[in-house]
Amino acid sequence: MLQKIMDFDHKISGKIRIQPEQKFLWRLAAFLAHTGDSWYWLGALFLLWLLASGEWHYKAAFLAIGIAVQIVIIFAIKFTVRRSRPEGQWGAFYRNTDPHSFPSGHAARAGLLLAMAVGLGPAWFALVIAVWAPIMSMARVVMGVHYLVDVVAGLLIGILIGWLVLLLEPFCLLLVPFVF
């Protein structure tokens, strides 16, 4: 049964992949795929944390903690499952530094941010993340660095991690009060 799912996943993921000859779509998908990179998010949240005060200073710190937790959990799963990435040329950095495909860390980050945005607000932020998360996640499949199952699982795991981090908010405040 699992082999049938994997075969179907390979087939579907291959069909929705785009080729470099489709220059506009290729560049757009590459840009979108990179918008989920952890260092961009952590860098932007650090700047927001430095420059903002009050509510957004707090949210930036809490979202960064969530991303850190998500990274640790996803890497633990990846190095347990060890599913190889699809064959391809794009994303050499990802292929070299993280050869494992399941689950997608980018999609998990998107799911985490979605859950936390819904929990923390404001509504416009949650709406922006709700639109961005599936688009960025699918760009990872379209560019050939993940299979469809990787990003679906990543989104779901990320949502669970996000809700867990929200539930542990009081513990985070006690553990690292200096970041808030």
Protein backbone atom coordinates (compact mmCIF):
# COMPACT_ATOMS: atom_id res chain seq x y z
CA MET A 1 0.00 0.00 0.00
CA LEU A 2 2.77 2.43 0.96
CA GLN A 3 4.60 1.66 -2.29
CA LYS A 4 1.45 2.47 -4.29
CA ILE A 5 1.17 5.83 -2.53
CA MET A 6 4.85 6.56 -3.19
CA ASP A 7 4.51 5.63 -6.87
CA PHE A 8 1.43 7.82 -7.23
CA ASP A 9 3.25 10.66 -5.44
CA HIS A 10 6.24 10.38 -7.81
CA LYS A 11 3.94 10.37 -10.84
CA ILE A 12 1.81 13.36 -9.78
CA SER A 13 4.81 15.37 -8.58
CA GLY A 14 6.58 14.76 -11.88
CA LYS A 15 3.56 15.92 -13.87
CA ILE A 16 3.32 19.29 -12.09
CA ARG A 17 7.03 20.06 -12.36
CA ILE A 18 8.00 22.88 -14.68
CA GLN A 19 11.08 23.06 -16.86
CA PRO A 20 13.69 25.85 -17.05
CA GLU A 21 12.58 26.55 -20.63
CA GLN A 22 9.40 28.05 -19.18
CA LYS A 23 11.46 31.08 -18.14
CA PHE A 24 8.80 33.30 -16.56
CA LEU A 25 7.13 30.48 -14.62
CA TRP A 26 10.52 29.04 -13.65
CA ARG A 27 11.73 32.36 -12.20
CA LEU A 28 8.41 33.03 -10.46
CA ALA A 29 8.33 29.55 -8.92
CA ALA A 30 11.99 29.81 -7.86
CA PHE A 31 11.28 33.15 -6.16
CA LEU A 32 8.19 31.77 -4.41
CA ALA A 33 10.04 28.62 -3.34
CA HIS A 34 12.72 30.76 -1.67
CA THR A 35 10.21 32.87 0.26
CA GLY A 36 9.91 30.03 2.77
CA ASP A 37 13.64 29.93 3.56
CA SER A 38 14.24 29.95 7.29
CA TRP A 39 17.06 32.51 7.24
CA TYR A 40 14.83 35.03 5.43
CA TRP A 41 12.08 34.57 7.98
CA LEU A 42 14.43 34.61 10.96
CA GLY A 43 16.27 37.64 9.57
CA ALA A 44 13.05 39.56 8.95
CA LEU A 45 11.71 38.64 12.38
CA PHE A 46 14.98 39.73 14.00
CA LEU A 47 14.75 43.12 12.26
CA LEU A 48 11.11 43.44 13.29
CA TRP A 49 12.04 42.50 16.86
CA LEU A 50 14.79 45.15 16.88
CA LEU A 51 12.71 47.93 15.33
CA ALA A 52 9.24 47.29 16.69
CA SER A 53 7.89 47.81 20.14
CA GLY A 54 4.90 46.45 21.95
CA GLU A 55 2.75 43.87 20.21
CA TRP A 56 4.93 43.27 17.12
CA HIS A 57 8.14 43.07 19.18
CA TYR A 58 6.50 40.27 21.15
CA LYS A 59 5.06 38.54 18.07
CA ALA A 60 8.40 38.63 16.25
CA ALA A 61 10.12 36.93 19.19
CA PHE A 62 7.39 34.33 19.60
CA LEU A 63 7.26 33.53 15.87
CA ALA A 64 11.05 33.11 15.83
CA ILE A 65 10.83 30.69 18.76
CA GLY A 66 8.18 28.78 16.84
CA ILE A 67 10.42 28.57 13.77
CA ALA A 68 13.33 27.33 15.89
CA VAL A 69 11.15 24.59 17.41
CA GLN A 70 9.84 23.67 13.94
CA ILE A 71 13.35 23.37 12.51
CA VAL A 72 14.45 20.97 15.26
CA ILE A 73 11.35 18.76 14.96
CA ILE A 74 11.44 18.64 11.15
CA PHE A 75 15.13 17.75 11.03
CA ALA A 76 14.52 14.96 13.54
CA ILE A 77 11.75 13.57 11.31
CA LYS A 78 13.82 14.01 8.12
CA PHE A 79 16.81 12.15 9.53
CA THR A 80 14.53 9.39 10.79
CA VAL A 81 12.57 8.91 7.54
CA ARG A 82 15.45 9.70 5.12
CA ARG A 83 13.37 10.02 1.95
CA SER A 84 15.57 11.22 -0.91
CA ARG A 85 14.67 14.37 -2.78
CA PRO A 86 13.44 14.09 -6.37
CA GLU A 87 16.14 14.07 -9.03
CA GLY A 88 16.84 17.54 -10.39
CA GLN A 89 19.23 20.39 -10.86
CA TRP A 90 17.52 23.32 -9.17
CA GLY A 91 18.04 23.78 -5.46
CA ALA A 92 21.63 22.51 -5.24
CA PHE A 93 22.01 24.22 -1.86
CA TYR A 94 19.07 22.27 -0.43
CA ARG A 95 20.20 19.05 -2.07
CA ASN A 96 23.70 19.39 -0.58
CA THR A 97 22.86 20.63 2.91
CA ASP A 98 19.65 18.65 3.39
CA PRO A 99 19.32 15.65 1.08
CA HIS A 100 16.11 14.48 2.75
CA SER A 101 12.74 15.37 1.32
CA PHE A 102 10.11 14.26 3.84
CA PRO A 103 8.59 16.34 5.27
CA SER A 104 9.17 19.66 3.59
CA GLY A 105 10.70 22.07 6.09
CA HIS A 106 9.50 25.03 4.04
CA ALA A 107 5.92 23.75 4.05
CA ALA A 108 6.17 22.97 7.77
CA ARG A 109 7.36 26.52 8.39
CA ALA A 110 4.41 27.81 6.36
CA GLY A 111 1.99 25.65 8.38
CA LEU A 112 3.55 26.79 11.64
CA LEU A 113 3.33 30.45 10.62
CA LEU A 114 -0.28 29.97 9.54
CA ALA A 115 -1.30 28.41 12.86
CA MET A 116 0.57 31.03 14.84
CA ALA A 117 -0.80 33.90 12.73
CA VAL A 118 -4.34 32.64 13.32
CA GLY A 119 -3.61 32.33 17.04
CA LEU A 120 -1.77 35.63 17.46
CA GLY A 121 -3.51 37.83 14.89
CA PRO A 122 -4.19 40.26 13.46
CA ALA A 123 -6.60 38.82 10.90
CA TRP A 124 -4.84 40.46 7.93
CA PHE A 125 -1.58 38.72 8.87
CA ALA A 126 -3.32 35.34 9.07
CA LEU A 127 -4.98 35.98 5.70
CA VAL A 128 -1.67 36.88 4.02
CA ILE A 129 -0.04 33.73 5.41
CA ALA A 130 -3.07 31.61 4.42
CA VAL A 131 -2.67 32.76 0.81
CA TRP A 132 1.14 32.51 0.77
CA ALA A 133 1.56 29.11 2.51
CA PRO A 134 0.07 26.79 -0.14
CA ILE A 135 1.53 28.80 -3.03
CA MET A 136 5.06 28.69 -1.62
CA SER A 137 4.67 25.03 -0.69
CA MET A 138 3.54 24.05 -4.19
CA ALA A 139 6.44 26.02 -5.66
CA ARG A 140 8.73 23.55 -3.88
CA VAL A 141 7.08 20.69 -5.82
CA VAL A 142 6.98 22.61 -9.10
CA MET A 143 10.73 23.30 -8.79
CA GLY A 144 11.43 19.64 -8.09
CA VAL A 145 12.94 19.75 -4.61
CA HIS A 146 9.97 17.99 -2.99
CA TYR A 147 7.20 15.56 -3.74
CA LEU A 148 3.57 16.51 -3.23
CA VAL A 149 3.25 14.26 -0.15
CA ASP A 150 6.27 16.05 1.39
CA VAL A 151 4.58 19.44 1.28
CA VAL A 152 1.13 18.22 2.37
CA ALA A 153 2.69 16.42 5.33
CA GLY A 154 4.90 19.42 6.03
CA LEU A 155 1.93 21.80 6.12
CA LEU A 156 -0.01 19.52 8.47
CA ILE A 157 2.96 18.89 10.77
CA GLY A 158 3.73 22.62 10.79
CA ILE A 159 0.16 23.45 11.79
CA LEU A 160 0.40 20.96 14.66
CA ILE A 161 3.73 22.41 15.78
CA GLY A 162 2.27 25.92 15.57
CA TRP A 163 -0.65 25.03 17.80
CA LEU A 164 1.72 23.28 20.22
CA VAL A 165 3.93 26.37 20.42
CA LEU A 166 0.85 28.53 21.03
CA LEU A 167 -0.21 26.20 23.85
CA LEU A 168 3.28 26.45 25.34
CA GLU A 169 3.31 30.26 25.23
CA PRO A 170 3.38 30.65 29.04
CA PHE A 171 6.32 28.23 29.24
CA CYS A 172 8.18 30.22 26.54
CA LEU A 173 7.66 33.40 28.55
CA LEU A 174 9.19 31.73 31.60
CA LEU A 175 12.01 30.04 29.71
CA VAL A 176 13.29 33.04 27.71
CA PRO A 177 11.69 36.19 29.17
CA PHE A 178 14.55 38.39 27.95
CA VAL A 179 13.49 38.03 24.29
CA PHE A 180 10.04 39.42 24.96
